[in-house]
Protein backbone atom coordinates (compact mmCIF):
# COMPACT_ATOMS: atom_id res chain seq x y z
CA MET A 1 0.00 0.00 0.00
CA GLY A 2 1.49 3.32 -1.08
CA GLN A 3 1.81 6.01 1.59
CA THR A 4 1.51 9.79 1.24
CA HIS A 5 2.30 12.48 3.78
CA HIS A 6 0.20 15.55 4.58
CA ASP A 7 -0.08 18.30 7.14
CA LEU A 8 -3.86 17.94 7.21
CA PHE A 9 -6.25 15.20 6.18
CA VAL A 10 -9.90 16.28 5.86
CA ILE A 11 -12.78 13.79 6.00
CA GLY A 12 -15.90 15.15 4.30
CA GLY A 13 -16.57 16.84 0.96
CA GLY A 14 -19.42 19.11 2.00
CA ILE A 15 -19.14 22.87 2.32
CA ASN A 16 -17.21 22.84 5.61
CA GLY A 17 -14.67 20.23 4.54
CA CYS A 18 -14.06 21.81 1.14
CA GLY A 19 -13.91 25.30 2.66
CA ILE A 20 -11.30 24.29 5.23
CA CYS A 21 -9.32 22.42 2.57
CA ARG A 22 -9.27 25.44 0.26
CA ASP A 23 -8.28 27.89 2.98
CA ALA A 24 -5.50 25.59 4.24
CA ALA A 25 -4.12 24.90 0.75
CA GLY A 26 -4.02 28.64 0.07
CA ARG A 27 -1.90 29.15 3.18
CA GLY A 28 0.65 26.55 2.11
CA TYR A 29 -0.40 23.47 4.09
CA ARG A 30 -0.15 20.08 2.42
CA VAL A 31 -3.78 18.98 2.45
CA ALA A 32 -5.74 15.90 1.40
CA LEU A 33 -9.52 15.55 1.38
CA ALA A 34 -11.56 12.35 1.14
CA GLU A 35 -15.30 12.29 0.42
CA MET A 36 -17.05 8.92 0.33
CA GLY A 37 -19.56 10.07 -2.33
CA ASP A 38 -19.81 13.01 -4.68
CA PHE A 39 -19.22 16.53 -3.45
CA ALA A 40 -22.30 18.09 -1.84
CA SER A 41 -24.19 14.81 -2.17
CA GLY A 42 -25.52 15.16 1.39
CA THR A 43 -26.47 18.21 3.43
CA SER A 44 -24.70 20.79 1.30
CA SER A 45 -26.97 20.34 -1.71
CA GLY A 46 -30.13 19.93 0.35
CA ALA A 47 -30.36 23.47 1.71
CA THR A 48 -32.85 26.24 0.99
CA LYS A 49 -29.94 27.73 -1.01
CA LEU A 50 -29.76 31.05 0.80
CA ILE A 51 -26.91 33.29 1.82
CA HIS A 52 -28.74 34.93 4.68
CA GLY A 53 -28.36 36.45 8.10
CA GLY A 54 -31.04 34.23 9.57
CA LEU A 55 -33.82 36.60 10.55
CA ARG A 56 -35.59 33.91 12.58
CA TYR A 57 -32.42 33.14 14.58
CA LEU A 58 -32.84 36.48 16.35
CA GLU A 59 -35.82 34.97 18.21
CA HIS A 60 -33.42 32.47 19.76
CA TYR A 61 -30.90 35.21 20.69
CA GLU A 62 -28.22 33.92 18.32
CA PHE A 63 -26.83 37.44 17.85
CA ARG A 64 -23.22 36.38 17.19
CA LEU A 65 -24.29 33.97 14.47
CA VAL A 66 -26.65 36.50 12.87
CA ARG A 67 -24.05 39.27 12.88
CA GLU A 68 -21.39 37.03 11.35
CA SER A 69 -23.89 35.80 8.76
CA LEU A 70 -24.99 39.31 7.84
CA MET A 71 -21.39 40.41 7.39
CA GLU A 72 -20.64 37.41 5.18
CA ARG A 73 -23.43 38.06 2.67
CA GLU A 74 -21.56 40.72 0.68
CA VAL A 75 -18.18 39.03 1.14
CA LEU A 76 -19.46 35.83 -0.47
CA TRP A 77 -21.32 37.75 -3.17
CA ALA A 78 -18.04 39.41 -4.19
CA MET A 79 -16.24 36.04 -4.13
CA ALA A 80 -18.67 34.31 -6.46
CA PRO A 81 -21.08 36.69 -8.24
CA HIS A 82 -21.90 33.99 -10.82
CA ILE A 83 -23.45 31.59 -8.28
CA ILE A 84 -24.43 34.11 -5.56
CA TRP A 85 -26.67 37.12 -6.05
CA PRO A 86 -28.99 39.38 -4.01
CA LEU A 87 -32.61 38.49 -3.44
CA ARG A 88 -35.40 40.60 -1.98
CA PHE A 89 -37.79 38.85 0.42
CA VAL A 90 -41.41 39.85 0.99
CA LEU A 91 -42.75 39.07 4.47
CA PRO A 92 -46.58 39.43 4.38
CA TYR A 93 -48.21 40.67 7.56
CA HIS A 94 -51.76 40.88 8.88
CA LYS A 95 -53.18 41.76 12.27
CA GLY A 96 -53.46 38.80 14.56
CA GLY A 97 -50.55 37.06 12.87
CA ILE A 98 -47.93 34.93 14.58
CA ARG A 99 -45.52 37.80 15.29
CA PRO A 100 -46.57 41.39 16.08
CA ALA A 101 -45.49 44.17 13.72
CA TRP A 102 -43.23 45.78 16.33
CA LEU A 103 -41.26 42.55 16.73
CA ILE A 104 -40.80 42.21 12.97
CA ARG A 105 -39.72 45.85 12.71
CA LEU A 106 -37.20 45.34 15.53
CA GLY A 107 -35.76 42.25 13.89
CA LEU A 108 -35.43 44.02 10.54
CA PHE A 109 -33.79 47.03 12.24
CA PHE A 110 -31.12 44.66 13.56
CA TYR A 111 -30.91 43.12 10.11
CA ASP A 112 -30.20 46.49 8.51
CA HIS A 113 -27.66 47.70 11.09
CA LEU A 114 -25.97 44.68 12.67
CA GLY A 115 -23.91 43.41 9.77
CA GLY A 116 -22.18 46.21 7.86
CA ARG A 117 -24.55 46.24 4.87
CA ARG A 118 -23.10 48.33 2.02
CA LEU A 119 -24.50 47.20 -1.33
CA LEU A 120 -27.71 45.44 -0.38
CA PRO A 121 -30.78 47.72 -0.23
CA PRO A 122 -32.45 48.31 3.17
CA THR A 123 -35.77 47.17 4.56
CA ALA A 124 -38.95 48.67 3.09
CA VAL A 125 -42.66 48.54 3.88
CA LEU A 126 -44.98 47.49 1.03
CA ASP A 127 -48.64 48.18 0.38
CA LEU A 128 -49.64 44.84 -1.13
CA ARG A 129 -52.82 46.39 -2.54
CA ARG A 130 -50.63 48.41 -4.92
CA ASP A 131 -47.31 46.58 -5.13
CA PRO A 132 -47.05 43.70 -7.66
CA ALA A 133 -45.80 41.47 -4.83
CA GLY A 134 -49.36 41.35 -3.54
CA GLY A 135 -50.75 39.90 -6.77
CA PRO A 136 -50.19 36.18 -6.01
CA LEU A 137 -51.32 36.52 -2.37
CA LYS A 138 -54.72 36.31 -0.72
CA PRO A 139 -56.45 39.68 -0.16
CA VAL A 140 -56.14 39.41 3.63
CA PHE A 141 -52.48 40.35 3.24
CA ALA A 142 -52.51 44.09 2.65
CA LYS A 143 -49.11 44.94 4.12
CA ALA A 144 -45.63 43.43 3.92
CA PHE A 145 -42.07 44.07 4.98
CA GLU A 146 -39.34 43.67 2.37
CA TYR A 147 -35.68 42.98 3.15
CA SER A 148 -32.50 41.77 1.46
CA ASP A 149 -30.63 38.48 1.61
CA GLY A 150 -28.90 36.37 -1.02
CA TRP A 151 -29.26 33.26 -3.17
CA VAL A 152 -26.58 30.62 -3.80
CA ASP A 153 -26.22 27.56 -6.00
CA ASP A 154 -25.22 25.44 -3.01
CA ALA A 155 -23.76 22.39 -4.74
CA ARG A 156 -21.67 24.55 -7.05
CA LEU A 157 -20.38 26.52 -4.06
CA VAL A 158 -19.00 23.24 -2.70
CA VAL A 159 -17.44 21.92 -5.91
CA LEU A 160 -15.84 25.30 -6.71
CA ASN A 161 -14.19 25.30 -3.29
CA ALA A 162 -12.87 21.81 -4.05
CA ARG A 163 -11.74 22.92 -7.52
CA ASP A 164 -9.85 25.90 -6.12
CA ALA A 165 -8.27 23.78 -3.38
CA ALA A 166 -7.00 21.37 -6.04
CA ASP A 167 -5.68 24.29 -8.09
CA ARG A 168 -3.73 25.35 -4.99
CA GLY A 169 -2.13 21.93 -4.54
CA ALA A 170 -4.58 19.95 -2.40
CA LEU A 171 -5.12 16.25 -3.04
CA ILE A 172 -8.87 15.93 -3.67
CA MET A 173 -10.37 12.43 -3.53
CA PRO A 174 -14.12 12.14 -4.15
CA ARG A 175 -15.74 8.71 -3.90
CA THR A 176 -13.04 7.72 -1.44
CA LYS A 177 -14.01 6.31 1.92
CA VAL A 178 -11.84 6.47 5.02
CA VAL A 179 -11.94 2.93 6.36
CA ALA A 180 -9.55 3.38 9.29
CA ALA A 181 -7.75 6.16 11.13
CA ARG A 182 -5.38 5.64 14.03
CA ARG A 183 -2.77 7.58 15.96
CA LYS A 184 0.75 6.26 15.46
CA ASN A 185 4.08 7.80 16.52
CA GLY A 186 2.60 11.28 16.92
CA LEU A 187 0.88 11.20 13.52
CA TRP A 188 -2.39 10.04 12.03
CA GLU A 189 -2.29 6.96 9.85
CA ILE A 190 -5.34 6.89 7.57
CA ASP A 191 -6.46 4.11 5.23
CA SER A 192 -8.72 5.06 2.34
CA CYS A 193 -10.53 3.05 -0.32
CA ASP A 194 -11.49 4.27 -3.78
CA MET A 195 -15.19 3.36 -4.04
CA LEU A 196 -14.99 3.03 -7.85
CA THR A 197 -11.84 0.94 -8.25
CA GLY A 198 -11.43 -0.68 -4.83
CA GLU A 199 -7.87 0.65 -4.65
CA THR A 200 -6.61 1.21 -1.11
CA ARG A 201 -4.18 3.87 -0.04
CA ARG A 202 -2.43 4.80 3.20
CA HIS A 203 -1.85 8.37 4.27
CA GLN A 204 0.05 10.00 7.11
CA ALA A 205 -1.02 13.37 8.44
CA ARG A 206 -0.01 15.64 11.28
CA MET A 207 -3.65 16.51 11.97
CA LEU A 208 -7.04 15.03 11.13
CA ILE A 209 -10.13 17.17 10.37
CA ASN A 210 -13.49 15.44 10.86
CA ALA A 211 -15.92 17.46 8.74
CA ALA A 212 -18.21 14.58 7.82
CA GLY A 213 -21.44 16.51 8.46
CA PRO A 214 -24.27 14.14 9.43
CA TRP A 215 -21.69 11.35 9.63
CA VAL A 216 -19.33 13.16 12.03
CA ASP A 217 -20.32 10.94 14.96
CA GLN A 218 -20.17 7.85 12.75
CA VAL A 219 -16.58 8.73 11.83
CA LEU A 220 -15.73 9.08 15.51
CA ARG A 221 -17.35 5.73 16.31
CA ALA A 222 -16.37 3.60 13.30
CA ALA A 223 -12.99 4.93 12.21
CA LEU A 224 -11.72 6.14 15.58
CA GLY A 225 -13.40 3.75 17.99
CA GLU A 226 -15.10 6.42 20.15
CA THR A 227 -18.23 4.45 20.98
CA GLU A 228 -19.80 7.20 23.08
CA ALA A 229 -19.73 9.91 20.38
CA ARG A 230 -23.10 11.71 20.59
CA HIS A 231 -22.53 15.30 19.54
CA VAL A 232 -24.83 15.81 16.57
CA ARG A 233 -28.56 16.33 16.43
CA LEU A 234 -29.86 15.27 13.04
CA VAL A 235 -32.69 17.46 11.76
CA GLN A 236 -34.45 16.68 8.49
CA GLY A 237 -35.26 19.50 6.12
CA SER A 238 -37.30 18.87 2.98
CA HIS A 239 -38.22 21.03 0.00
CA ILE A 240 -40.56 20.84 -2.96
CA VAL A 241 -40.12 22.42 -6.38
CA VAL A 242 -43.40 23.28 -8.13
CA LYS A 243 -44.50 24.90 -11.35
CA LYS A 244 -43.98 28.64 -11.12
CA LYS A 245 -46.51 30.20 -8.75
CA PHE A 246 -45.67 33.86 -9.30
CA GLU A 247 -43.79 36.19 -11.62
CA GLY A 248 -40.98 38.53 -10.70
CA PRO A 249 -37.60 38.17 -9.01
CA ARG A 250 -38.70 38.49 -5.37
CA ALA A 251 -39.09 35.66 -2.86
CA TYR A 252 -41.59 35.24 -0.01
CA PHE A 253 -41.12 34.58 3.70
CA PHE A 254 -44.22 32.91 5.17
CA GLN A 255 -44.97 32.55 8.90
CA ASN A 256 -46.97 29.50 9.92
CA PRO A 257 -49.38 29.03 12.85
CA ASP A 258 -47.00 26.45 14.42
CA ASN A 259 -44.38 29.23 14.70
CA ARG A 260 -42.28 27.78 11.90
CA ILE A 261 -41.48 29.60 8.67
CA ILE A 262 -41.12 28.58 5.03
CA PHE A 263 -39.78 30.33 1.96
CA ALA A 264 -41.21 30.45 -1.56
CA ILE A 265 -38.40 31.36 -3.95
CA PRO A 266 -38.11 31.85 -7.73
CA TYR A 267 -36.15 28.83 -8.98
CA GLU A 268 -34.38 28.14 -12.27
CA ASP A 269 -36.59 30.63 -14.15
CA ASP A 270 -39.60 28.32 -14.54
CA PHE A 271 -40.27 27.02 -11.01
CA THR A 272 -40.89 27.93 -7.37
CA LEU A 273 -38.89 26.37 -4.53
CA ILE A 274 -40.83 25.91 -1.27
CA GLY A 275 -39.28 24.87 2.05
CA THR A 276 -38.09 23.93 4.53
CA THR A 277 -39.38 21.52 7.14
CA ASP A 278 -37.73 20.91 10.51
CA ARG A 279 -38.04 17.59 12.30
CA ASP A 280 -35.70 15.30 14.18
CA TYR A 281 -34.26 12.39 12.20
CA SER A 282 -32.96 9.11 13.60
CA GLY A 283 -32.17 7.03 10.51
CA ASP A 284 -29.11 6.75 8.28
CA PRO A 285 -28.57 10.15 6.60
CA LYS A 286 -28.07 8.49 3.20
CA ASP A 287 -31.63 7.14 3.34
CA VAL A 288 -33.40 10.45 4.01
CA ARG A 289 -36.43 11.11 1.80
CA ILE A 290 -39.25 13.64 1.92
CA SER A 291 -42.28 12.11 3.62
CA ALA A 292 -45.93 12.40 2.62
CA GLU A 293 -46.49 14.33 5.86
CA GLU A 294 -43.82 16.90 4.94
CA THR A 295 -45.17 17.23 1.41
CA GLY A 296 -48.64 17.90 2.80
CA TYR A 297 -47.27 20.38 5.33
CA LEU A 298 -45.43 22.44 2.70
CA CYS A 299 -48.40 22.46 0.31
CA ALA A 300 -50.81 23.50 3.07
CA ALA A 301 -48.48 26.16 4.49
CA ALA A 302 -47.91 27.81 1.10
CA SER A 303 -51.62 27.57 0.26
CA GLU A 304 -52.43 29.68 3.33
CA TYR A 305 -50.79 32.60 1.52
CA PHE A 306 -51.15 32.06 -2.22
CA ASN A 307 -54.39 32.71 -4.10
CA GLU A 308 -53.70 29.63 -6.18
CA PRO A 309 -53.31 26.60 -3.86
CA VAL A 310 -50.17 24.47 -3.98
CA THR A 311 -51.02 20.80 -4.47
CA PRO A 312 -48.94 17.62 -4.76
CA ASP A 313 -49.81 17.56 -8.48
CA ASP A 314 -47.79 20.78 -8.91
CA ILE A 315 -44.58 19.14 -7.68
CA VAL A 316 -41.93 18.51 -10.32
CA TRP A 317 -39.09 17.62 -7.93
CA SER A 318 -38.47 17.30 -4.22
CA TYR A 319 -35.37 16.84 -2.14
CA SER A 320 -34.53 16.18 1.47
CA ALA A 321 -31.37 16.37 3.55
CA VAL A 322 -30.25 16.02 7.13
CA ARG A 323 -28.72 19.01 8.87
CA PRO A 324 -26.06 18.02 11.42
CA LEU A 325 -26.79 20.55 14.17
CA TYR A 326 -24.72 20.67 17.32
CA ASP A 327 -26.77 19.04 20.07
CA ASP A 328 -27.35 21.89 22.51
CA GLY A 329 -30.31 20.23 24.22
CA ALA A 330 -32.97 22.41 22.54
CA SER A 331 -36.43 20.91 22.95
CA LYS A 332 -37.58 21.50 19.35
CA ALA A 333 -35.75 20.80 16.12
CA GLN A 334 -36.36 24.34 14.85
CA GLU A 335 -34.90 25.78 18.07
CA ALA A 336 -31.58 23.87 17.92
CA THR A 337 -28.63 26.18 17.29
CA ARG A 338 -27.48 26.70 13.70
CA ASP A 339 -24.11 27.94 14.98
CA TYR A 340 -20.97 25.86 14.55
CA VAL A 341 -18.71 24.29 17.14
CA LEU A 342 -15.06 23.34 16.61
CA GLN A 343 -13.85 20.74 19.07
CA LEU A 344 -10.13 19.97 19.35
CA GLU A 345 -8.94 16.63 20.74
CA GLY A 346 -5.48 15.24 21.47
CA LYS A 347 -3.29 15.50 24.56
CA GLY A 348 0.26 14.76 25.59
CA GLY A 349 1.85 14.48 22.18
CA GLU A 350 -1.11 12.70 20.57
CA ALA A 351 -1.85 13.54 16.95
CA PRO A 352 -4.57 16.25 17.06
CA LEU A 353 -8.13 15.82 15.81
CA LEU A 354 -10.47 18.70 14.98
CA ASN A 355 -14.18 17.85 14.89
CA VAL A 356 -16.54 20.21 13.06
CA PHE A 357 -20.14 20.34 14.27
CA GLY A 358 -23.01 22.33 12.80
CA GLY A 359 -22.58 25.35 10.56
CA LYS A 360 -24.41 26.64 7.51
CA LEU A 361 -23.61 27.75 3.98
CA THR A 362 -23.46 31.44 4.86
CA THR A 363 -20.79 31.08 7.51
CA TYR A 364 -18.64 28.36 5.92
CA ARG A 365 -15.80 30.78 5.08
CA ARG A 366 -15.61 32.15 8.63
CA LEU A 367 -15.86 28.61 10.03
CA SER A 368 -12.87 27.73 7.84
CA GLU A 369 -10.90 30.71 9.12
CA HIS A 370 -11.64 29.76 12.73
CA ALA A 371 -10.60 26.17 11.98
CA LEU A 372 -7.32 27.45 10.52
CA GLU A 373 -6.71 29.45 13.70
CA LYS A 374 -6.96 26.23 15.72
CA ILE A 375 -4.84 24.36 13.19
CA GLY A 376 -2.14 27.04 13.36
CA GLU A 377 -2.12 27.00 17.15
CA THR A 378 -1.81 23.21 17.13
CA ILE A 379 0.67 22.27 14.38
CA GLY A 380 2.14 25.64 13.47
CA LYS A 381 0.86 28.62 11.52
CA LYS A 382 1.31 28.98 7.77
CA GLY A 383 0.10 32.15 6.15
CA GLY A 384 -2.77 34.35 7.26
CA PRO A 385 -6.43 34.80 6.34
CA TRP A 386 -6.79 35.37 2.60
CA THR A 387 -10.19 34.18 1.38
CA ALA A 388 -12.19 37.36 2.12
CA SER A 389 -10.72 39.13 -0.91
CA SER A 390 -10.46 36.06 -3.14
CA HIS A 391 -12.60 34.77 -6.01
CA LEU A 392 -13.91 31.27 -6.50
CA PRO A 393 -13.25 29.81 -9.97
CA GLY A 394 -15.22 31.78 -12.56
CA GLY A 395 -16.14 34.53 -10.10
CA ASP A 396 -13.48 37.05 -11.13
CA PHE A 397 -15.84 39.78 -12.34
CA PRO A 398 -17.60 42.69 -10.54
CA VAL A 399 -20.46 41.87 -8.17
CA LYS A 400 -22.91 43.68 -10.44
CA GLY A 401 -21.27 42.50 -13.64
CA TYR A 402 -23.39 39.44 -14.46
CA ALA A 403 -25.25 41.06 -17.35
CA ALA A 404 -21.99 42.30 -18.84
CA GLU A 405 -20.52 38.79 -18.66
CA VAL A 406 -23.55 37.37 -20.46
CA SER A 407 -23.21 40.04 -23.15
CA LYS A 408 -19.50 39.27 -23.55
CA LEU A 409 -20.15 35.55 -23.88
CA LYS A 410 -22.85 36.20 -26.47
CA THR A 411 -20.44 38.40 -28.42
CA ASP A 412 -17.71 35.76 -28.36
CA TYR A 413 -20.14 32.91 -29.12
CA PRO A 414 -22.99 34.48 -31.11
CA PHE A 415 -24.60 31.09 -31.81
CA LEU A 416 -25.67 30.76 -28.17
CA ALA A 417 -29.31 31.40 -27.34
CA GLU A 418 -29.83 34.10 -24.70
CA ALA A 419 -31.11 31.64 -22.08
CA HIS A 420 -28.22 29.27 -22.76
CA ALA A 421 -25.64 32.04 -22.34
CA ARG A 422 -27.27 33.20 -19.12
CA ARG A 423 -27.23 29.68 -17.69
CA LEU A 424 -23.59 29.10 -18.60
CA VAL A 425 -22.50 32.33 -16.91
CA ARG A 426 -24.60 31.45 -13.85
CA ARG A 427 -22.87 28.06 -13.59
CA TYR A 428 -19.34 28.82 -14.73
CA GLY A 429 -18.81 32.60 -14.77
CA THR A 430 -15.67 33.56 -16.66
CA ARG A 431 -14.82 29.88 -17.14
CA ALA A 432 -17.74 29.42 -19.51
CA ALA A 433 -15.33 30.31 -22.31
CA SER A 434 -13.06 27.42 -21.29
CA LEU A 435 -16.05 25.09 -21.56
CA LEU A 436 -16.99 26.36 -25.03
CA GLY A 437 -13.42 26.45 -26.28
CA GLU A 438 -13.02 26.92 -30.04
CA ALA A 439 -16.66 26.23 -30.89
CA LYS A 440 -17.93 28.24 -33.85
CA SER A 441 -21.46 26.87 -33.96
CA ILE A 442 -23.88 24.95 -31.78
CA VAL A 443 -22.94 21.79 -33.70
CA ASP A 444 -19.40 22.09 -32.35
CA LEU A 445 -20.74 21.48 -28.82
CA GLY A 446 -21.55 17.89 -29.74
CA HIS A 447 -24.61 15.82 -28.92
CA CYS A 448 -27.49 17.53 -27.09
CA PHE A 449 -28.80 15.38 -24.25
CA GLY A 450 -31.89 17.55 -23.79
CA SER A 451 -32.71 21.16 -22.95
CA ASP A 452 -29.40 23.02 -23.53
CA LEU A 453 -27.09 20.36 -22.07
CA TYR A 454 -24.47 19.51 -24.69
CA GLU A 455 -21.63 17.03 -24.83
CA ALA A 456 -19.02 19.80 -24.43
CA GLU A 457 -20.44 20.75 -21.03
CA VAL A 458 -20.62 17.14 -19.87
CA ARG A 459 -17.00 16.55 -20.86
CA TYR A 460 -15.94 19.76 -19.12
CA LEU A 461 -17.60 18.61 -15.90
CA VAL A 462 -15.99 15.18 -16.07
CA ARG A 463 -12.57 16.65 -16.82
CA ASN A 464 -12.62 19.59 -14.39
CA GLU A 465 -15.22 18.92 -11.69
CA TRP A 466 -15.04 15.20 -10.88
CA ALA A 467 -18.45 14.34 -12.38
CA VAL A 468 -18.91 10.57 -12.76
CA THR A 469 -22.66 9.89 -13.01
CA ALA A 470 -25.66 11.46 -14.69
CA GLN A 471 -26.90 12.49 -11.22
CA ASP A 472 -23.69 14.45 -10.65
CA ILE A 473 -24.36 16.37 -13.85
CA LEU A 474 -28.12 16.83 -13.65
CA TRP A 475 -28.68 17.67 -9.98
CA ARG A 476 -25.40 18.97 -8.52
CA ARG A 477 -23.21 20.52 -11.25
CA THR A 478 -26.35 21.77 -13.04
CA LYS A 479 -30.10 21.58 -12.51
CA ASN A 480 -30.85 20.36 -16.01
CA GLY A 481 -32.55 17.36 -14.43
CA LEU A 482 -35.63 19.57 -14.14
CA TYR A 483 -35.92 19.61 -17.92
CA LEU A 484 -34.76 16.22 -19.22
CA GLU A 485 -37.15 13.36 -20.00
CA MET A 486 -36.46 9.84 -18.72
CA ASP A 487 -35.15 8.61 -22.08
CA GLU A 488 -32.78 11.58 -22.27
CA VAL A 489 -31.50 10.82 -18.77
CA GLN A 490 -30.93 7.23 -19.84
CA LYS A 491 -28.86 8.34 -22.83
CA LEU A 492 -26.76 10.56 -20.59
CA GLU A 493 -26.22 7.68 -18.17
CA GLU A 494 -25.07 5.47 -21.03
CA TYR A 495 -22.73 8.20 -22.27
CA MET A 496 -21.24 8.74 -18.79
CA ALA A 497 -20.69 5.01 -18.34
CA ALA A 498 -18.74 4.88 -21.61
CA ILE A 499 -16.38 7.73 -20.68
CA PRO A 500 -13.06 6.44 -19.23
CA ALA A 501 -12.61 7.36 -15.57
CA GLN A 502 -10.72 10.65 -15.30
CA VAL A 503 -9.12 12.51 -12.44
CA ALA A 504 -9.95 16.21 -12.49
CA GLY A 505 -6.69 18.01 -13.08
């Protein structure tokens, strides 16, 4: 068994693992990352896809988390303006509602002033009898509050962190399971297995990072032998995607009688995303599925607000994921802290272990910086914080420059339809030109698998972003799965199976 040596070995290819890996590689650490499946195949692609301060977290007095989240919104927007952009949220209000107007106003005052907002517009009050935002809603809602947050393509956020980490020298190993990890002579000795080829590999590392998300306790128990590991509270969150329920770019924030909230968000131009649910989960995270009860809950909750009811027949796609919240003893799933906890283990010369609990998309970069502080204190500092002024791959254009990038791509590749060009810039930013290469016509992009997904894009994703299956392409690297028919999916699966296995360079 060959053996490789690293400063850090990261277990977990979700947003926290990939974020820590990228930050560490950029500081000069020798880093390896192993993910047993595809990147973002668990929690990190099952979110509501928001870069947000967490307005509802103020009710639980999570002021530190909210402030950090609010500050991160514009930082992340500048890092990746192709996959992150501002979104205005409409919060309908009526007398006798769940929360009084003064409480909402107070929360939005904090929202406007707690986090150093510079580019995002402030809170406003809407007359829904006159504003177009009132059109899809029932007449009982005459007033609304409007505030700013952000949208993110969550799965692409993860894979672009992995891509940038690899570009900076990290060893990135998707579909690689850690089968054993043990302390030996002041180091970690880690055995990994390639889930596609069965090849085993041994690694040595000065420090181990357990960022396995919902599986963090399983890693502690199975790989490390800590039978009493019980740090994570698993909370299931499910979403439905329905035929478009309203026009316009704004999203809705709905308050439910059970004190929970859901969002209704414009999604992929032609759909509306509705979610999320919050309930404790006790099964294996890989088996999580939306339940009939959750589907009914989301349909009923949205129908309380929309003129046109939401029914199960409207659903074109649904997804569910398990959030690995730090177990703080909260009585209700929706009250459990969304903050992150970094727990360092290792005494008396033992090889150190850093366990990562909790966290959310919005704060992943700051979580990574805090992890690097602990890493530096433990095995020696290399470099300083750098990611706040960086760009993720393809994001090297101005925060308000999306339209200009689309125009440039259309000029360079005039055969592209407007919608196709917009989608490519949204997925790949300035790297869309690398995908299209020397193409002079649409024919040069190769076979079309359906919608605007061409062979050139599939090959780019295999070559550069570790895509192996049709699911990787259709639901994580893109969302073209919303548009392809079953026979088209089958042809893509056959094509992917025929492509020789490649390692993203």
